Amino acid sequence: MQLTTDGVKVPEGATSACFKVVILEFDIDTKASTLCESENYFFNTTTLSEKVTLYLPTMEFFSGVLFIILVIAFYRQEDGVYVPLEDDRSKVVIILK
């Protein structure tokens, strides 16, 4: 899946953006659900390209409503470690499908 990043607003203090795709399958009849997450994709905010490629997690079988959700979280890098921003309001959650 390829996404454009031109609408991403980087909060103050963030040096990295983490993109993750979450797939939620929900069967309305049985109330059963399955949740799959992709790996975390970290990008430097100063060199973030206009398009990023993310790989969807694999779901073996689904028989309900499928939601594809993009989560963008921001971090600052300290000594090679990603530290989440203290203000959790910087996270972005978008339902793609």
C-alpha atoms as a PDB file:
ATOM      1  CA  MET A   1       0.000   0.000   0.000  1.00  0.00           C
ATOM      2  CA  GLN A   2       1.428   3.362  -1.003  1.00  0.00           C
ATOM      3  CA  LEU A   3       0.405   6.509   0.871  1.00  0.00           C
ATOM      4  CA  THR A   4       1.106  10.175   0.313  1.00  0.00           C
ATOM      5  CA  THR A   5       2.499  12.082   3.277  1.00  0.00           C
ATOM      6  CA  ASP A   6       1.807  15.659   2.215  1.00  0.00           C
ATOM      7  CA  GLY A   7      -1.005  16.044   4.796  1.00  0.00           C
ATOM      8  CA  VAL A   8       1.017  14.722   7.729  1.00  0.00           C
ATOM      9  CA  LYS A   9       1.532  17.423  10.353  1.00  0.00           C
ATOM     10  CA  VAL A  10       4.665  16.763  12.385  1.00  0.00           C
ATOM     11  CA  PRO A  11       4.300  17.934  15.999  1.00  0.00           C
ATOM     12  CA  GLU A  12       7.003  20.015  17.640  1.00  0.00           C
ATOM     13  CA  GLY A  13       9.821  17.922  19.054  1.00  0.00           C
ATOM     14  CA  ALA A  14       9.201  14.887  16.840  1.00  0.00           C
ATOM     15  CA  THR A  15      12.184  13.543  14.932  1.00  0.00           C
ATOM     16  CA  SER A  16      10.547  10.326  13.708  1.00  0.00           C
ATOM     17  CA  ALA A  17       7.142   9.226  12.462  1.00  0.00           C
ATOM     18  CA  CYS A  18       5.954   5.654  12.887  1.00  0.00           C
ATOM     19  CA  PHE A  19       3.363   4.292  10.469  1.00  0.00           C
ATOM     20  CA  LYS A  20       1.436   1.107  11.239  1.00  0.00           C
ATOM     21  CA  VAL A  21      -1.470  -0.559   9.432  1.00  0.00           C
ATOM     22  CA  VAL A  22      -4.109  -2.342  11.490  1.00  0.00           C
ATOM     23  CA  ILE A  23      -6.706  -4.629   9.945  1.00  0.00           C
ATOM     24  CA  LEU A  24      -9.845  -5.366  11.928  1.00  0.00           C
ATOM     25  CA  GLU A  25     -12.319  -7.964  10.731  1.00  0.00           C
ATOM     26  CA  PHE A  26     -15.672  -7.989  12.472  1.00  0.00           C
ATOM     27  CA  ASP A  27     -18.433 -10.516  11.882  1.00  0.00           C
ATOM     28  CA  ILE A  28     -21.677  -8.745  12.718  1.00  0.00           C
ATOM     29  CA  ASP A  29     -23.677 -11.980  12.982  1.00  0.00           C
ATOM     30  CA  THR A  30     -21.376 -13.870  15.355  1.00  0.00           C
ATOM     31  CA  LYS A  31     -19.760 -10.808  17.036  1.00  0.00           C
ATOM     32  CA  ALA A  32     -16.375 -12.441  16.423  1.00  0.00           C
ATOM     33  CA  SER A  33     -13.420 -10.249  15.497  1.00  0.00           C
ATOM     34  CA  THR A  34      -9.822 -10.592  14.387  1.00  0.00           C
ATOM     35  CA  LEU A  35      -7.129  -7.942  14.659  1.00  0.00           C
ATOM     36  CA  CYS A  36      -3.842  -7.996  12.734  1.00  0.00           C
ATOM     37  CA  GLU A  37      -1.108  -5.357  12.871  1.00  0.00           C
ATOM     38  CA  SER A  38       1.724  -4.653  10.472  1.00  0.00           C
ATOM     39  CA  GLU A  39       5.222  -4.039  11.662  1.00  0.00           C
ATOM     40  CA  ASN A  40       6.149  -0.483  12.655  1.00  0.00           C
ATOM     41  CA  TYR A  41       7.638   1.610   9.854  1.00  0.00           C
ATOM     42  CA  PHE A  42       9.826   4.421  11.215  1.00  0.00           C
ATOM     43  CA  PHE A  43      10.786   7.431   9.107  1.00  0.00           C
ATOM     44  CA  ASN A  44      12.916  10.467   9.893  1.00  0.00           C
ATOM     45  CA  THR A  45      10.583  13.482   9.859  1.00  0.00           C
ATOM     46  CA  THR A  46      13.109  15.749   8.150  1.00  0.00           C
ATOM     47  CA  THR A  47      13.602  13.353   5.231  1.00  0.00           C
ATOM     48  CA  LEU A  48      10.078  11.912   5.020  1.00  0.00           C
ATOM     49  CA  SER A  49       9.364  11.327   1.332  1.00  0.00           C
ATOM     50  CA  GLU A  50       6.137  12.374  -0.373  1.00  0.00           C
ATOM     51  CA  LYS A  51       5.080   8.722  -0.636  1.00  0.00           C
ATOM     52  CA  VAL A  52       5.685   5.792   1.684  1.00  0.00           C
ATOM     53  CA  THR A  53       5.088   2.110   1.020  1.00  0.00           C
ATOM     54  CA  LEU A  54       3.585   0.013   3.792  1.00  0.00           C
ATOM     55  CA  TYR A  55       2.826  -3.686   3.695  1.00  0.00           C
ATOM     56  CA  LEU A  56      -0.530  -4.951   4.899  1.00  0.00           C
ATOM     57  CA  PRO A  57      -0.606  -7.712   7.479  1.00  0.00           C
ATOM     58  CA  THR A  58      -1.810 -11.043   6.138  1.00  0.00           C
ATOM     59  CA  MET A  59      -5.178 -12.336   7.233  1.00  0.00           C
ATOM     60  CA  GLU A  60      -5.724 -16.011   6.554  1.00  0.00           C
ATOM     61  CA  PHE A  61      -9.515 -15.898   6.340  1.00  0.00           C
ATOM     62  CA  PHE A  62     -12.173 -13.326   6.970  1.00  0.00           C
ATOM     63  CA  SER A  63     -15.931 -13.369   6.704  1.00  0.00           C
ATOM     64  CA  GLY A  64     -17.216 -10.054   7.896  1.00  0.00           C
ATOM     65  CA  VAL A  65     -16.715  -6.337   7.673  1.00  0.00           C
ATOM     66  CA  LEU A  66     -13.095  -5.404   7.062  1.00  0.00           C
ATOM     67  CA  PHE A  67     -11.599  -2.174   8.394  1.00  0.00           C
ATOM     68  CA  ILE A  68      -8.147  -0.989   7.346  1.00  0.00           C
ATOM     69  CA  ILE A  69      -6.761   1.555   9.790  1.00  0.00           C
ATOM     70  CA  LEU A  70      -3.610   3.657   9.550  1.00  0.00           C
ATOM     71  CA  VAL A  71      -1.949   4.739  12.804  1.00  0.00           C
ATOM     72  CA  ILE A  72       0.739   7.424  12.777  1.00  0.00           C
ATOM     73  CA  ALA A  73       2.645   8.014  16.013  1.00  0.00           C
ATOM     74  CA  PHE A  74       5.473  10.465  16.550  1.00  0.00           C
ATOM     75  CA  TYR A  75       8.701   9.929  18.442  1.00  0.00           C
ATOM     76  CA  ARG A  76      11.914  11.680  19.272  1.00  0.00           C
ATOM     77  CA  GLN A  77      15.114   9.729  18.895  1.00  0.00           C
ATOM     78  CA  GLU A  78      17.498   9.721  21.853  1.00  0.00           C
ATOM     79  CA  ASP A  79      20.713   7.708  21.743  1.00  0.00           C
ATOM     80  CA  GLY A  80      19.319   5.469  18.996  1.00  0.00           C
ATOM     81  CA  VAL A  81      16.095   4.741  20.905  1.00  0.00           C
ATOM     82  CA  TYR A  82      12.614   5.873  19.824  1.00  0.00           C
ATOM     83  CA  VAL A  83      10.907   7.709  22.690  1.00  0.00           C
ATOM     84  CA  PRO A  84       7.181   8.444  22.264  1.00  0.00           C
ATOM     85  CA  LEU A  85       6.103  12.047  22.561  1.00  0.00           C
ATOM     86  CA  GLU A  86       4.530  12.745  25.938  1.00  0.00           C
ATOM     87  CA  ASP A  87       1.458  14.335  24.362  1.00  0.00           C
ATOM     88  CA  ASP A  88      -0.552  11.373  23.125  1.00  0.00           C
ATOM     89  CA  ARG A  89      -2.808  13.727  21.150  1.00  0.00           C
ATOM     90  CA  SER A  90      -0.103  13.747  18.467  1.00  0.00           C
ATOM     91  CA  LYS A  91      -1.211  10.273  17.305  1.00  0.00           C
ATOM     92  CA  VAL A  92      -3.213  10.150  14.101  1.00  0.00           C
ATOM     93  CA  VAL A  93      -5.737   7.373  13.400  1.00  0.00           C
ATOM     94  CA  ILE A  94      -7.334   7.177   9.950  1.00  0.00           C
ATOM     95  CA  ILE A  95      -9.830   4.586   8.750  1.00  0.00           C
ATOM     96  CA  LEU A  96      -8.799   3.876   5.159  1.00  0.00           C
ATOM     97  CA  LYS A  97     -11.473   1.345   4.306  1.00  0.00           C
END
